[in-house]
């Protein structure tokens, strides 16, 4: 009897109506779930994009260690001894611009230099214009102006105690006086404060170290040997002198025009064909040409990876200012 009294008959039509009434909420839940997945995918893609462009390390460049390098020791003029750098590089790599400036060739040589000040696409200028240079540190830019139109610009800035206040060349020298050996501080001050570009060009040293996975032909032709860039190619310097927008002495850009000597052009033409399969470290420093300028200290170092024309950003001509 008890079982009989607990039985409830449900009208099939009512059951179907109940199913239909629950369908909209189920559909809404599915739609919400899909929207959330789409937002998650978008968020992940945006995060990846930001990390790629804001990270200190990207696919094609990074800071480089210098344990492989040998520089002039304090006793070099007595025993010709070279030794690993005693201190880390003075400046830290901040960014590398990879540009295709082939369209600028018809505008003359001056269109492909001084990118820190003249090109709105340059990393330094974008950083400077964010707040009128109020928080931008003094910057050393190593600019390789290549004969096929490729422009590689490596940006270095001071890092360490008190570096946040280093805004111009004078403060840089004062900061180095307080944070480096007296011999190097003297060397850097002479290099930065002089108006003699020939002096600077005769002092800039560059050494490349190709990684073992780089093509054998390239490793044989590019020895790990320091070179004075001013003896191999035309080298020009820019520091914003006379600029009315606040750029003066906020940077020093060293432009190496790699197509100005037959030997440099030959090496570059060979290198450019293999660079997409090559990894190399580059160290930059000022030669210690006198006993009181030793030991040498590295200014900055960069690692370049698999650079090909596909990774270059195309530059367009700037409008004429009348």
Foldseek 3Di string as FASTA:
>chain_A
DVVVVPDDDDDPVVVVVVVVVCVVVVVVVVVVVVVVVVVVVVVVVVVVVCCQVQPQDHDFKHFDFQQVDWFQFLCCVPPVDTDGFPDGAQWEWRDKAKAQQQQCVVVDPVQQDPCLPPPCPDPNNVVCVVPVQPQAAQWEWEWECEPRRIIMIIIIAGDDPPRRVHQFDVVVLVVCCVVHDPLQSVVSCCLLVDPDVLVNLQWKKKFKDWDPQADPVLPVVRDRDIDRLSVQFPKDKDQCPPPPSPRHRRYIYIYGHQPHDPVSNVSVVVCQVRLLRIKMKMWIWTHDPDSSNDDTHTNGMMIGHRDHPVPHHYDDDDDDDD
